[in-house]
Amino acid sequence: MTPETLSEAIARLVESGFRHGLRAQIGRLRDTVTGESYSPESLGIAEWMRFDGESDPDEEVVLFALLSPAGSPLGTYATAFGPGIAAEDGSVLPRLGGVAVRGDRRA
C-alpha cells in the first residue's frame, strides 16, 4: 500500500469534518474560515501524522486534525517540524492539545 500524501490526508480529514484550516498567529491558532482565534491548549488532537521528505530528511511536516474546545471536529493545522519550523509555529506546537489524543499515524 502506498503511503498517504499530505494532500490526500488533508482531503480525507476534510471529508471527516475537519473543514477549517488553522494557522499560527501571535501564540494562538487562527481559523482561516471564521477568523476565530484559539489557545493551543484548548484544542484536542484527534489525529496527527508526520511526513518526511523523500529527497531530504530535513523536509518534515506534521499535520494535526484538531478538535474544537467543545470536542467536535474543527480543522487541520500543518507545520514544518524540526529545524525548519517558523517561530510562530514553534511557539504554538509545544502547547497544542490540552485534550487527549485519539490516535496518531506516521506517513
N, C-alpha and C. Protein backbone atom coordinates (compact mmCIF):
# COMPACT_ATOMS: atom_id res chain seq x y z
N MET A 1 0.84 -1.18 0.00
CA MET A 1 0.00 0.00 0.00
C MET A 1 0.89 1.25 0.00
N THR A 2 0.60 2.20 -0.85
CA THR A 2 1.36 3.44 -0.94
C THR A 2 1.00 4.35 0.23
N PRO A 3 1.99 4.96 0.89
CA PRO A 3 1.69 5.86 1.99
C PRO A 3 0.85 7.06 1.51
N GLU A 4 0.01 7.53 2.37
CA GLU A 4 -0.84 8.68 2.10
C GLU A 4 0.01 9.94 1.99
N THR A 5 -0.27 10.78 0.99
CA THR A 5 0.44 12.05 0.86
C THR A 5 -0.22 13.09 1.76
N LEU A 6 0.46 14.21 1.94
CA LEU A 6 -0.09 15.29 2.75
C LEU A 6 -1.42 15.77 2.18
N SER A 7 -1.49 16.00 0.88
CA SER A 7 -2.74 16.49 0.28
C SER A 7 -3.86 15.45 0.40
N GLU A 8 -3.53 14.16 0.28
CA GLU A 8 -4.54 13.12 0.45
C GLU A 8 -5.04 13.07 1.89
N ALA A 9 -4.13 13.24 2.84
CA ALA A 9 -4.52 13.23 4.25
C ALA A 9 -5.45 14.41 4.56
N ILE A 10 -5.11 15.59 4.04
CA ILE A 10 -5.96 16.76 4.27
C ILE A 10 -7.34 16.53 3.66
N ALA A 11 -7.40 16.00 2.44
CA ALA A 11 -8.69 15.73 1.79
C ALA A 11 -9.52 14.74 2.60
N ARG A 12 -8.88 13.70 3.12
CA ARG A 12 -9.59 12.70 3.94
C ARG A 12 -10.14 13.34 5.21
N LEU A 13 -9.33 14.18 5.84
CA LEU A 13 -9.77 14.83 7.08
C LEU A 13 -10.91 15.82 6.82
N VAL A 14 -10.84 16.54 5.71
CA VAL A 14 -11.92 17.47 5.35
C VAL A 14 -13.22 16.68 5.20
N GLU A 15 -13.16 15.53 4.53
CA GLU A 15 -14.34 14.67 4.37
C GLU A 15 -14.87 14.18 5.71
N SER A 16 -13.99 14.07 6.70
CA SER A 16 -14.38 13.60 8.03
C SER A 16 -14.88 14.73 8.94
N GLY A 17 -14.94 15.95 8.40
CA GLY A 17 -15.49 17.06 9.18
C GLY A 17 -14.48 18.09 9.63
N PHE A 18 -13.20 17.87 9.40
CA PHE A 18 -12.16 18.82 9.79
C PHE A 18 -12.00 19.84 8.65
N ARG A 19 -12.99 20.71 8.49
CA ARG A 19 -13.11 21.54 7.30
C ARG A 19 -12.37 22.87 7.34
N HIS A 20 -11.94 23.31 8.50
CA HIS A 20 -11.29 24.61 8.60
C HIS A 20 -9.78 24.47 8.63
N GLY A 21 -9.10 25.44 8.07
CA GLY A 21 -7.65 25.49 8.16
C GLY A 21 -7.27 26.36 9.35
N LEU A 22 -6.22 26.00 10.04
CA LEU A 22 -5.74 26.77 11.19
C LEU A 22 -4.30 27.19 10.95
N ARG A 23 -3.97 28.41 11.37
CA ARG A 23 -2.62 28.96 11.19
C ARG A 23 -2.16 29.59 12.50
N ALA A 24 -0.89 29.45 12.80
CA ALA A 24 -0.31 30.06 13.99
C ALA A 24 -0.24 31.57 13.80
N GLN A 25 -0.67 32.30 14.83
CA GLN A 25 -0.64 33.76 14.78
C GLN A 25 -0.61 34.30 16.20
N ILE A 26 0.47 34.97 16.53
CA ILE A 26 0.64 35.62 17.85
C ILE A 26 0.37 34.64 18.99
N GLY A 27 0.96 33.46 18.93
CA GLY A 27 0.86 32.49 20.01
C GLY A 27 -0.46 31.75 20.10
N ARG A 28 -1.31 31.92 19.10
CA ARG A 28 -2.62 31.26 19.07
C ARG A 28 -2.81 30.62 17.71
N LEU A 29 -3.87 29.84 17.55
CA LEU A 29 -4.23 29.29 16.25
C LEU A 29 -5.47 30.01 15.75
N ARG A 30 -5.37 30.58 14.55
CA ARG A 30 -6.47 31.33 13.96
C ARG A 30 -7.14 30.47 12.89
N ASP A 31 -8.47 30.41 12.96
CA ASP A 31 -9.28 29.70 11.98
C ASP A 31 -9.33 30.57 10.73
N THR A 32 -8.85 30.04 9.62
CA THR A 32 -8.78 30.84 8.39
C THR A 32 -10.15 31.03 7.74
N VAL A 33 -11.16 30.28 8.19
CA VAL A 33 -12.51 30.42 7.65
C VAL A 33 -13.30 31.46 8.43
N THR A 34 -13.31 31.33 9.76
CA THR A 34 -14.13 32.21 10.59
C THR A 34 -13.36 33.38 11.19
N GLY A 35 -12.03 33.26 11.25
CA GLY A 35 -11.21 34.28 11.90
C GLY A 35 -11.11 34.12 13.40
N GLU A 36 -11.83 33.15 13.96
CA GLU A 36 -11.78 32.91 15.40
C GLU A 36 -10.39 32.45 15.80
N SER A 37 -9.96 32.86 16.99
CA SER A 37 -8.63 32.54 17.49
C SER A 37 -8.75 31.62 18.70
N TYR A 38 -7.88 30.61 18.76
CA TYR A 38 -7.93 29.62 19.83
C TYR A 38 -6.59 29.52 20.55
N SER A 39 -6.65 29.33 21.84
CA SER A 39 -5.46 28.98 22.61
C SER A 39 -5.11 27.54 22.24
N PRO A 40 -3.85 27.24 21.93
CA PRO A 40 -3.49 25.87 21.56
C PRO A 40 -3.88 24.84 22.62
N GLU A 41 -3.83 25.22 23.89
CA GLU A 41 -4.17 24.29 24.97
C GLU A 41 -5.64 23.91 24.97
N SER A 42 -6.50 24.71 24.35
CA SER A 42 -7.94 24.45 24.38
C SER A 42 -8.39 23.46 23.31
N LEU A 43 -7.49 23.10 22.40
CA LEU A 43 -7.85 22.23 21.28
C LEU A 43 -7.37 20.80 21.52
N GLY A 44 -8.20 19.86 21.14
CA GLY A 44 -7.82 18.46 21.24
C GLY A 44 -7.23 17.98 19.93
N ILE A 45 -6.44 16.94 20.00
CA ILE A 45 -5.84 16.34 18.81
C ILE A 45 -6.57 15.02 18.54
N ALA A 46 -7.28 14.98 17.41
CA ALA A 46 -7.98 13.75 17.04
C ALA A 46 -7.03 12.78 16.35
N GLU A 47 -6.09 13.34 15.59
CA GLU A 47 -5.15 12.51 14.83
C GLU A 47 -3.97 13.40 14.46
N TRP A 48 -2.80 12.80 14.33
CA TRP A 48 -1.65 13.53 13.80
C TRP A 48 -0.83 12.60 12.93
N MET A 49 -0.19 13.20 11.95
CA MET A 49 0.65 12.45 11.01
C MET A 49 1.91 13.23 10.73
N ARG A 50 3.01 12.54 10.59
CA ARG A 50 4.27 13.17 10.22
C ARG A 50 4.66 12.71 8.83
N PHE A 51 5.08 13.65 8.01
CA PHE A 51 5.50 13.37 6.65
C PHE A 51 6.96 13.78 6.50
N ASP A 52 7.78 12.85 6.02
CA ASP A 52 9.20 13.12 5.80
C ASP A 52 9.44 13.29 4.31
N GLY A 53 10.28 14.27 3.94
CA GLY A 53 10.60 14.48 2.54
C GLY A 53 11.35 13.29 1.97
N GLU A 54 11.01 12.90 0.75
CA GLU A 54 11.65 11.75 0.12
C GLU A 54 13.11 12.00 -0.19
N SER A 55 13.42 13.22 -0.64
CA SER A 55 14.80 13.51 -1.05
C SER A 55 15.61 14.19 0.05
N ASP A 56 14.95 14.76 1.03
CA ASP A 56 15.66 15.49 2.08
C ASP A 56 14.98 15.21 3.42
N PRO A 57 15.65 14.50 4.33
CA PRO A 57 15.04 14.18 5.61
C PRO A 57 14.73 15.42 6.46
N ASP A 58 15.32 16.57 6.13
CA ASP A 58 15.01 17.80 6.86
C ASP A 58 13.67 18.40 6.43
N GLU A 59 13.07 17.87 5.37
CA GLU A 59 11.76 18.34 4.91
C GLU A 59 10.68 17.56 5.66
N GLU A 60 10.47 17.93 6.88
CA GLU A 60 9.48 17.25 7.70
C GLU A 60 8.29 18.17 7.94
N VAL A 61 7.08 17.59 7.81
CA VAL A 61 5.84 18.31 8.06
C VAL A 61 5.01 17.46 9.00
N VAL A 62 4.34 18.12 9.93
CA VAL A 62 3.41 17.41 10.80
C VAL A 62 2.04 18.02 10.57
N LEU A 63 1.03 17.15 10.47
CA LEU A 63 -0.36 17.55 10.22
C LEU A 63 -1.20 17.09 11.40
N PHE A 64 -2.00 18.01 11.92
CA PHE A 64 -2.89 17.70 13.04
C PHE A 64 -4.34 17.85 12.61
N ALA A 65 -5.19 16.93 13.01
CA ALA A 65 -6.65 17.07 12.91
C ALA A 65 -7.08 17.52 14.31
N LEU A 66 -7.58 18.75 14.40
CA LEU A 66 -7.86 19.34 15.71
C LEU A 66 -9.34 19.40 16.04
N LEU A 67 -9.62 19.16 17.30
CA LEU A 67 -10.98 19.22 17.82
C LEU A 67 -11.21 20.59 18.47
N SER A 68 -12.42 21.10 18.33
CA SER A 68 -12.78 22.37 18.96
C SER A 68 -12.79 22.21 20.48
N PRO A 69 -12.85 23.31 21.22
CA PRO A 69 -12.94 23.19 22.69
C PRO A 69 -14.15 22.36 23.13
N ALA A 70 -15.20 22.32 22.30
CA ALA A 70 -16.38 21.52 22.63
C ALA A 70 -16.22 20.04 22.26
N GLY A 71 -15.11 19.70 21.58
CA GLY A 71 -14.82 18.31 21.24
C GLY A 71 -15.27 17.86 19.86
N SER A 72 -15.78 18.77 19.05
CA SER A 72 -16.21 18.41 17.70
C SER A 72 -15.09 18.68 16.70
N PRO A 73 -15.11 18.02 15.52
CA PRO A 73 -14.07 18.28 14.52
C PRO A 73 -14.02 19.76 14.15
N LEU A 74 -12.82 20.31 14.12
CA LEU A 74 -12.65 21.72 13.79
C LEU A 74 -11.91 21.89 12.47
N GLY A 75 -10.65 21.50 12.44
CA GLY A 75 -9.89 21.69 11.22
C GLY A 75 -8.50 21.09 11.30
N THR A 76 -7.69 21.44 10.30
CA THR A 76 -6.33 20.91 10.20
C THR A 76 -5.31 22.02 10.40
N TYR A 77 -4.19 21.63 10.93
CA TYR A 77 -3.06 22.52 11.15
C TYR A 77 -1.81 21.77 10.71
N ALA A 78 -1.09 22.33 9.74
CA ALA A 78 0.15 21.72 9.25
C ALA A 78 1.29 22.69 9.46
N THR A 79 2.44 22.16 9.84
CA THR A 79 3.61 22.99 10.05
C THR A 79 4.87 22.18 9.78
N ALA A 80 5.93 22.88 9.46
CA ALA A 80 7.23 22.23 9.37
C ALA A 80 7.57 21.69 10.75
N PHE A 81 8.40 20.68 10.77
CA PHE A 81 8.80 20.06 12.03
C PHE A 81 10.31 19.91 12.02
N GLY A 82 10.93 20.25 13.09
CA GLY A 82 12.39 20.16 13.15
C GLY A 82 13.03 21.51 12.93
N PRO A 83 14.23 21.53 12.34
CA PRO A 83 14.98 22.78 12.23
C PRO A 83 14.31 23.84 11.36
N GLY A 84 13.40 23.45 10.47
CA GLY A 84 12.77 24.41 9.58
C GLY A 84 11.51 25.06 10.13
N ILE A 85 11.17 24.83 11.39
CA ILE A 85 9.93 25.36 11.94
C ILE A 85 10.00 26.88 12.09
N ALA A 86 8.92 27.55 11.70
CA ALA A 86 8.82 29.01 11.85
C ALA A 86 8.62 29.35 13.32
N ALA A 87 9.05 30.53 13.71
CA ALA A 87 8.95 30.97 15.11
C ALA A 87 7.52 30.94 15.62
N GLU A 88 6.56 31.39 14.82
CA GLU A 88 5.14 31.38 15.25
C GLU A 88 4.67 29.96 15.54
N ASP A 89 5.01 29.04 14.65
CA ASP A 89 4.62 27.65 14.86
C ASP A 89 5.34 27.05 16.06
N GLY A 90 6.59 27.42 16.25
CA GLY A 90 7.36 26.93 17.38
C GLY A 90 6.79 27.36 18.72
N SER A 91 6.12 28.52 18.75
CA SER A 91 5.52 28.98 20.00
C SER A 91 4.19 28.29 20.28
N VAL A 92 3.56 27.73 19.27
CA VAL A 92 2.25 27.09 19.41
C VAL A 92 2.38 25.58 19.62
N LEU A 93 3.24 24.95 18.88
CA LEU A 93 3.34 23.49 18.85
C LEU A 93 3.49 22.83 20.22
N PRO A 94 4.38 23.29 21.10
CA PRO A 94 4.52 22.61 22.39
C PRO A 94 3.30 22.74 23.30
N ARG A 95 2.44 23.70 23.00
CA ARG A 95 1.26 23.95 23.84
C ARG A 95 -0.01 23.32 23.27
N LEU A 96 0.11 22.67 22.14
CA LEU A 96 -1.04 22.14 21.43
C LEU A 96 -1.59 20.89 22.08
N GLY A 97 -2.90 20.78 22.11
CA GLY A 97 -3.55 19.53 22.51
C GLY A 97 -3.70 19.32 23.99
N GLY A 98 -4.32 20.26 24.66
CA GLY A 98 -4.60 20.09 26.08
C GLY A 98 -5.60 18.97 26.33
N VAL A 99 -6.29 18.53 25.27
CA VAL A 99 -7.28 17.46 25.35
C VAL A 99 -6.62 16.18 24.85
N ALA A 100 -7.07 15.04 25.33
CA ALA A 100 -6.44 13.75 25.00
C ALA A 100 -6.38 13.49 23.50
N VAL A 101 -5.31 12.83 23.08
CA VAL A 101 -5.10 12.42 21.70
C VAL A 101 -5.88 11.14 21.45
N ARG A 102 -6.60 11.08 20.32
CA ARG A 102 -7.36 9.87 19.99
C ARG A 102 -6.52 8.90 19.15
N GLY A 103 -5.57 9.38 18.38
CA GLY A 103 -4.80 8.47 17.54
C GLY A 103 -3.72 9.21 16.79
N ASP A 104 -2.73 8.47 16.34
CA ASP A 104 -1.67 9.10 15.56
C ASP A 104 -1.21 8.12 14.49
N ARG A 105 -0.64 8.71 13.44
CA ARG A 105 -0.12 7.91 12.33
C ARG A 105 1.12 8.58 11.81
N ARG A 106 1.98 7.80 11.25
CA ARG A 106 3.16 8.34 10.62
C ARG A 106 3.10 7.94 9.15
N ALA A 107 3.16 8.95 8.26
CA ALA A 107 3.09 8.67 6.83
C ALA A 107 4.48 8.53 6.26
